[in-house]
Amino acid sequence: MEFRPGPMLIAEDRSDPIVNPIEVARQGPTPAMPTAEAITALRAEPRFREAVAAVAANSVEYYRGRWLAHRVLKDRARFVMASVMLGLHFSRRDDVPNSGLTSRSLREICVGAGLCSGGRVEAVLLMMRASGYLERVEDSGDLRVRRYVPTQKLLDLNRNRQRRALAAVDMVRGGTAYAAHVCDEDEPERYGRFLVALGRGYLAGFRVPQSAPALIPIMDRDVGLPMMMCIFLSSPEYAVFCPEKLRNVSVAALAQRFNVSRVHVRSVMRAAESAGFLLRNEETAQVRVLPPLVEAMENFFANGFLFIESAAKIVLAESA
């Protein structure tokens, strides 16, 4: 859903300092929304599955080490919020009052887009400060403004994840070097513009799960997405690319891997079975992946790959 301004953003007083900051973040080229034809074409590339397996396995490892974040905010909202936060930060301009990453702007965006409540935004900001991902900075112009800046810890984490994602796109394309050019640590300004482009795309309404709507109810379950990724990677199409330690998708293994109860794992599996994604054998504990799950996950990753590729193209064109 595209961001729609809330009451605070459409105040009658056009000098209201909160009117401009989000519009600043939206200015400039926006990544193209992937089409169904483009997704199908990308899935047909010879190394697409190898690239997807690499990103999915890395994502599972990322989830394992950050179980608290999953309790505070669900997968879909967290993906979008992270990009919007960094986009706001890097779009800050000295001549625009209150631009950058402020609690008020982030709250208005998340509530306006239906991502989460304002209270949940505050909880995420608090958690990220406590975890060393954000720092609060004082605004000498207005003590009411709560501005945040990402720490190097957060920037390194995101850069590494996006470098892997862009490297997967490079693997599929075969003749590009997006990862090296966009995520070059010696080019922080270029990387910042990449984050701004991603943020613009999310403000315009892009969502990775748009291409796989059947996954959304499961993504909204606690660690539903990483569980589906593990099961997906155990399929015959992907097991050859999957690390052996991730191939065990028994209830006990998934519960231990993601620090959730076996009851919860069974509940998520039942939902996936009802969606036609898998078949379970209660007696043998075996899980059989069905074609609809492979199709949904491939559409999910293809949509994400095309989106970040479009953002990378924008940044590299600006640098040419």
Protein backbone atom coordinates (compact mmCIF):
# COMPACT_ATOMS: atom_id res chain seq x y z
CA MET A 1 0.00 0.00 0.00
CA GLU A 2 1.31 3.45 -0.91
CA PHE A 3 1.99 5.85 1.95
CA ARG A 4 -0.88 8.26 2.59
CA PRO A 5 -0.24 11.31 4.79
CA GLY A 6 -1.88 11.24 8.21
CA PRO A 7 -3.52 14.24 9.88
CA MET A 8 -0.23 15.71 11.10
CA LEU A 9 1.15 15.82 7.55
CA ILE A 10 -1.72 17.72 5.97
CA ALA A 11 -2.02 20.53 8.47
CA GLU A 12 -3.58 23.71 7.14
CA ASP A 13 -0.50 25.68 8.12
CA ARG A 14 1.83 24.91 5.23
CA SER A 15 4.75 26.22 7.29
CA ASP A 16 4.31 23.24 9.62
CA PRO A 17 7.86 21.80 9.71
CA ILE A 18 6.54 18.27 9.39
CA VAL A 19 5.07 18.88 5.92
CA ASN A 20 8.36 18.93 4.01
CA PRO A 21 10.61 16.15 5.39
CA ILE A 22 8.79 13.15 3.96
CA GLU A 23 8.28 14.89 0.63
CA VAL A 24 12.04 15.46 0.57
CA ALA A 25 12.56 11.73 1.00
CA ARG A 26 10.24 11.06 -1.94
CA GLN A 27 11.96 13.41 -4.38
CA GLY A 28 13.97 11.80 -7.16
CA PRO A 29 13.78 8.71 -9.39
CA THR A 30 11.85 5.78 -7.95
CA PRO A 31 12.75 2.12 -8.65
CA ALA A 32 10.47 0.49 -11.20
CA MET A 33 7.78 -1.83 -9.89
CA PRO A 34 8.59 -5.33 -11.23
CA THR A 35 6.10 -6.72 -13.71
CA ALA A 36 4.81 -10.29 -13.84
CA GLU A 37 6.62 -10.74 -17.17
CA ALA A 38 9.92 -9.55 -15.70
CA ILE A 39 9.54 -11.90 -12.73
CA THR A 40 8.86 -14.85 -15.01
CA ALA A 41 11.86 -14.01 -17.19
CA LEU A 42 14.17 -13.72 -14.18
CA ARG A 43 13.03 -17.07 -12.82
CA ALA A 44 13.99 -18.64 -16.14
CA GLU A 45 17.63 -17.52 -15.86
CA PRO A 46 20.02 -20.51 -15.50
CA ARG A 47 21.55 -19.47 -12.17
CA PHE A 48 18.42 -18.04 -10.59
CA ARG A 49 17.86 -20.93 -8.19
CA GLU A 50 21.48 -20.96 -7.09
CA ALA A 51 21.25 -17.25 -6.33
CA VAL A 52 17.96 -17.63 -4.45
CA ALA A 53 19.36 -20.46 -2.33
CA ALA A 54 22.34 -18.34 -1.31
CA VAL A 55 20.17 -15.40 -0.22
CA ALA A 56 17.57 -17.60 1.50
CA ALA A 57 20.19 -19.50 3.50
CA ASN A 58 21.80 -16.25 4.58
CA SER A 59 18.41 -14.85 5.58
CA VAL A 60 17.72 -17.87 7.77
CA GLU A 61 21.01 -17.37 9.58
CA TYR A 62 20.18 -13.70 10.02
CA TYR A 63 16.81 -14.51 11.59
CA ARG A 64 18.33 -17.00 14.00
CA GLY A 65 20.47 -14.38 15.69
CA ARG A 66 17.73 -11.76 16.05
CA TRP A 67 14.76 -13.50 17.59
CA LEU A 68 13.81 -10.45 19.71
CA ALA A 69 13.21 -8.34 16.60
CA HIS A 70 10.67 -10.88 15.36
CA ARG A 71 8.68 -10.53 18.56
CA VAL A 72 8.55 -6.74 18.32
CA LEU A 73 7.65 -6.43 14.62
CA LYS A 74 6.52 -8.89 11.98
CA ASP A 75 8.57 -9.67 8.90
CA ARG A 76 6.64 -7.59 6.38
CA ALA A 77 6.65 -4.41 8.44
CA ARG A 78 10.28 -4.82 9.47
CA PHE A 79 11.51 -5.05 5.86
CA VAL A 80 9.75 -1.83 4.95
CA MET A 81 10.54 0.06 8.14
CA ALA A 82 14.28 -0.61 7.87
CA SER A 83 14.42 0.78 4.32
CA VAL A 84 12.27 3.79 5.20
CA MET A 85 14.40 4.60 8.26
CA LEU A 86 17.64 4.59 6.29
CA GLY A 87 16.03 6.42 3.39
CA LEU A 88 14.86 9.18 5.74
CA HIS A 89 18.30 9.46 7.30
CA PHE A 90 20.20 9.77 4.03
CA SER A 91 17.66 12.17 2.53
CA ARG A 92 18.25 14.73 5.29
CA ARG A 93 18.98 18.26 4.11
CA ASP A 94 20.31 21.08 6.24
CA ASP A 95 17.96 23.55 4.58
CA VAL A 96 14.81 21.53 5.36
CA PRO A 97 13.72 21.73 9.00
CA ASN A 98 13.13 18.38 10.67
CA SER A 99 14.20 16.32 7.66
CA GLY A 100 16.02 13.07 8.26
CA LEU A 101 15.03 10.22 10.55
CA THR A 102 12.74 11.57 13.26
CA SER A 103 10.28 9.63 15.35
CA ARG A 104 7.41 11.76 14.10
CA SER A 105 8.14 11.25 10.41
CA LEU A 106 8.68 7.51 10.85
CA ARG A 107 5.50 7.18 12.88
CA GLU A 108 3.46 9.06 10.29
CA ILE A 109 4.81 6.91 7.46
CA CYS A 110 4.24 3.59 9.23
CA VAL A 111 0.76 4.46 10.45
CA GLY A 112 -0.20 6.07 7.13
CA ALA A 113 0.92 2.99 5.19
CA GLY A 114 -0.80 0.61 7.60
CA LEU A 115 2.46 -1.07 8.61
CA CYS A 116 1.99 -0.84 12.36
CA SER A 117 0.78 1.41 15.15
CA GLY A 118 2.59 4.49 16.40
CA GLY A 119 3.27 2.70 19.66
CA ARG A 120 4.95 -0.15 17.83
CA VAL A 121 7.19 2.34 16.01
CA GLU A 122 8.30 3.74 19.37
CA ALA A 123 9.00 0.21 20.63
CA VAL A 124 11.18 -0.50 17.58
CA LEU A 125 13.12 2.74 18.04
CA LEU A 126 13.69 1.91 21.69
CA MET A 127 14.83 -1.62 20.89
CA MET A 128 17.20 -0.41 18.18
CA ARG A 129 18.75 2.16 20.51
CA ALA A 130 19.20 -0.45 23.22
CA SER A 131 20.78 -2.83 20.69
CA GLY A 132 23.25 -0.23 19.44
CA TYR A 133 21.70 0.25 16.00
CA LEU A 134 20.48 3.83 16.47
CA GLU A 135 21.67 6.87 18.39
CA ARG A 136 19.59 9.81 19.50
CA VAL A 137 20.91 13.22 18.49
CA GLU A 138 19.84 16.57 19.87
CA ASP A 139 18.37 19.10 17.49
CA SER A 140 19.49 22.55 18.51
CA GLY A 141 16.71 24.15 16.49
CA ASP A 142 13.79 22.39 18.19
CA LEU A 143 14.09 20.42 21.39
CA ARG A 144 10.77 18.72 20.63
CA VAL A 145 12.27 16.90 17.64
CA ARG A 146 13.56 13.40 18.34
CA ARG A 147 16.11 12.70 15.66
CA TYR A 148 17.98 9.44 15.24
CA VAL A 149 21.02 8.42 13.24
CA PRO A 150 22.04 4.88 12.30
CA THR A 151 25.22 3.64 13.93
CA GLN A 152 28.02 2.02 12.01
CA LYS A 153 26.76 -1.29 13.38
CA LEU A 154 23.43 -0.85 11.57
CA LEU A 155 25.03 0.46 8.39
CA ASP A 156 27.47 -2.48 8.26
CA LEU A 157 24.65 -4.96 8.87
CA ASN A 158 22.52 -3.54 6.08
CA ARG A 159 25.43 -3.10 3.71
CA ASN A 160 26.44 -6.74 4.14
CA ARG A 161 22.90 -8.00 3.58
CA GLN A 162 22.39 -5.81 0.52
CA ARG A 163 25.80 -6.73 -0.83
CA ARG A 164 24.77 -10.39 -0.72
CA ALA A 165 21.45 -9.62 -2.38
CA LEU A 166 23.10 -7.60 -5.15
CA ALA A 167 25.75 -10.32 -5.55
CA ALA A 168 22.87 -12.74 -6.15
CA VAL A 169 21.55 -10.42 -8.86
CA ASP A 170 25.06 -10.30 -10.35
CA MET A 171 25.14 -14.10 -10.30
CA VAL A 172 21.86 -14.27 -12.21
CA ARG A 173 22.74 -11.57 -14.74
CA GLY A 174 26.27 -12.74 -15.33
CA GLY A 175 27.68 -9.46 -16.59
CA THR A 176 26.98 -6.92 -13.88
CA ALA A 177 28.86 -5.77 -10.78
CA TYR A 178 26.13 -4.13 -8.72
CA ALA A 179 27.43 -5.43 -5.40
CA ALA A 180 30.93 -4.07 -5.90
CA HIS A 181 29.84 -0.65 -7.16
CA VAL A 182 26.84 0.08 -4.92
CA CYS A 183 28.15 -1.37 -1.65
CA ASP A 184 31.73 -0.18 -1.97
CA GLU A 185 32.79 0.97 1.50
CA ASP A 186 34.93 3.66 -0.12
CA GLU A 187 31.81 5.18 -1.70
CA PRO A 188 29.52 5.90 1.28
CA GLU A 189 27.66 8.66 -0.58
CA ARG A 190 26.74 6.29 -3.41
CA TYR A 191 25.53 3.69 -0.92
CA GLY A 192 23.48 6.36 0.83
CA ARG A 193 21.80 7.30 -2.45
CA PHE A 194 20.99 3.62 -3.00
CA LEU A 195 19.25 3.52 0.39
CA VAL A 196 17.32 6.68 -0.47
CA ALA A 197 16.18 5.09 -3.75
CA LEU A 198 15.00 1.98 -1.90
CA GLY A 199 13.14 4.16 0.57
CA ARG A 200 11.41 6.03 -2.25
CA GLY A 201 10.26 2.72 -3.69
CA TYR A 202 8.71 1.63 -0.42
CA LEU A 203 7.04 5.01 0.03
CA ALA A 204 5.60 4.57 -3.47
CA GLY A 205 4.03 1.28 -2.40
CA PHE A 206 6.49 -1.47 -3.31
CA ARG A 207 6.30 -4.58 -1.13
CA VAL A 208 8.28 -7.76 -1.75
CA PRO A 209 5.34 -10.12 -0.97
CA GLN A 210 3.16 -8.47 -3.63
CA SER A 211 4.29 -11.13 -6.07
CA ALA A 212 3.38 -13.97 -3.68
CA PRO A 213 0.16 -12.98 -1.90
CA ALA A 214 -0.49 -16.53 -0.66
CA LEU A 215 2.62 -16.19 1.53
CA ILE A 216 1.35 -13.12 3.37
CA PRO A 217 -0.81 -14.86 6.01
CA ILE A 218 2.14 -17.08 6.91
CA MET A 219 4.59 -14.16 6.92
CA ASP A 220 2.35 -12.50 9.48
CA ARG A 221 2.90 -15.42 11.86
CA ASP A 222 5.82 -15.32 14.29
CA VAL A 223 8.95 -16.34 12.28
CA GLY A 224 6.64 -17.68 9.59
CA LEU A 225 8.82 -16.49 6.72
CA PRO A 226 12.12 -18.01 7.89
CA MET A 227 10.36 -21.29 8.58
CA MET A 228 8.98 -21.31 5.05
CA MET A 229 12.43 -20.50 3.72
CA CYS A 230 13.89 -23.53 5.50
CA ILE A 231 11.15 -25.83 4.20
CA PHE A 232 11.51 -24.33 0.73
CA LEU A 233 15.27 -24.96 0.76
CA SER A 234 14.67 -28.62 1.60
CA SER A 235 12.77 -29.13 -1.68
CA PRO A 236 14.37 -31.30 -4.39
CA GLU A 237 14.88 -28.18 -6.53
CA TYR A 238 16.90 -26.40 -3.85
CA ALA A 239 18.40 -29.06 -1.56
CA VAL A 240 21.42 -29.35 -3.85
CA PHE A 241 22.27 -25.71 -3.09
CA CYS A 242 21.27 -25.79 0.58
CA PRO A 243 23.73 -26.25 3.48
CA GLU A 244 23.20 -29.63 5.08
CA LYS A 245 22.44 -28.12 8.50
CA LEU A 246 19.35 -26.41 7.07
CA ARG A 247 17.85 -29.49 5.45
CA ASN A 248 16.37 -30.82 8.68
CA VAL A 249 12.90 -29.29 8.79
CA SER A 250 11.36 -31.43 11.50
CA VAL A 251 9.18 -29.73 14.08
CA ALA A 252 11.86 -30.15 16.72
CA ALA A 253 14.61 -28.76 14.49
CA LEU A 254 12.63 -25.68 13.45
CA ALA A 255 11.54 -24.98 17.02
CA GLN A 256 15.13 -25.08 18.22
CA ARG A 257 16.46 -23.10 15.27
CA PHE A 258 14.08 -20.18 15.74
CA ASN A 259 13.55 -20.31 19.50
CA VAL A 260 9.81 -20.99 19.31
CA SER A 261 7.61 -23.75 20.69
CA ARG A 262 6.85 -26.97 18.84
CA VAL A 263 3.17 -26.09 19.13
CA HIS A 264 3.82 -22.89 17.19
CA VAL A 265 5.81 -24.72 14.50
CA ARG A 266 2.99 -27.23 14.03
CA SER A 267 0.51 -24.38 13.79
CA VAL A 268 2.50 -22.64 11.05
CA MET A 269 2.93 -25.94 9.21
CA ARG A 270 -0.81 -26.58 9.33
CA ALA A 271 -1.41 -23.13 7.85
CA ALA A 272 1.12 -23.86 5.09
CA GLU A 273 -0.50 -27.22 4.44
CA SER A 274 -3.92 -25.57 4.16
CA ALA A 275 -2.43 -23.12 1.64
CA GLY A 276 -1.26 -26.04 -0.49
CA PHE A 277 2.43 -25.40 0.18
CA LEU A 278 3.39 -28.73 1.75
CA LEU A 279 2.31 -32.15 2.96
CA ARG A 280 3.25 -33.51 6.38
CA ASN A 281 3.51 -37.10 7.51
CA GLU A 282 2.81 -37.07 11.24
CA GLU A 283 4.17 -40.57 11.73
CA THR A 284 7.51 -40.11 9.99
CA ALA A 285 7.80 -36.33 10.59
CA GLN A 286 8.67 -35.92 6.92
CA VAL A 287 7.67 -32.77 5.05
CA ARG A 288 7.07 -32.77 1.31
CA VAL A 289 7.35 -29.44 -0.47
CA LEU A 290 4.68 -28.87 -3.10
CA PRO A 291 5.06 -26.79 -6.31
CA PRO A 292 2.95 -23.83 -5.06
CA LEU A 293 5.51 -23.10 -2.32
CA VAL A 294 8.40 -23.19 -4.79
CA GLU A 295 6.51 -20.87 -7.13
CA ALA A 296 5.56 -18.45 -4.35
CA MET A 297 9.07 -18.26 -2.91
CA GLU A 298 10.65 -17.84 -6.35
CA ASN A 299 8.23 -15.02 -7.14
CA PHE A 300 9.04 -13.46 -3.77
CA PHE A 301 12.79 -13.47 -4.39
CA ALA A 302 12.51 -12.48 -8.05
CA ASN A 303 10.42 -9.47 -7.08
CA GLY A 304 13.02 -8.40 -4.52
CA PHE A 305 15.92 -8.95 -6.92
CA LEU A 306 14.31 -6.84 -9.64
CA PHE A 307 13.50 -4.05 -7.21
CA ILE A 308 17.03 -3.71 -5.81
CA GLU A 309 18.46 -4.01 -9.31
CA SER A 310 16.30 -1.08 -10.40
CA ALA A 311 17.51 0.98 -7.42
CA ALA A 312 21.11 0.08 -8.23
CA LYS A 313 20.65 1.17 -11.85
CA ILE A 314 19.32 4.55 -10.69
CA VAL A 315 22.35 5.15 -8.47
CA LEU A 316 24.90 4.03 -11.04
CA ALA A 317 23.27 6.19 -13.72
CA GLU A 318 23.53 9.18 -11.40
CA SER A 319 27.22 8.40 -10.84
CA ALA A 320 28.03 8.06 -14.53
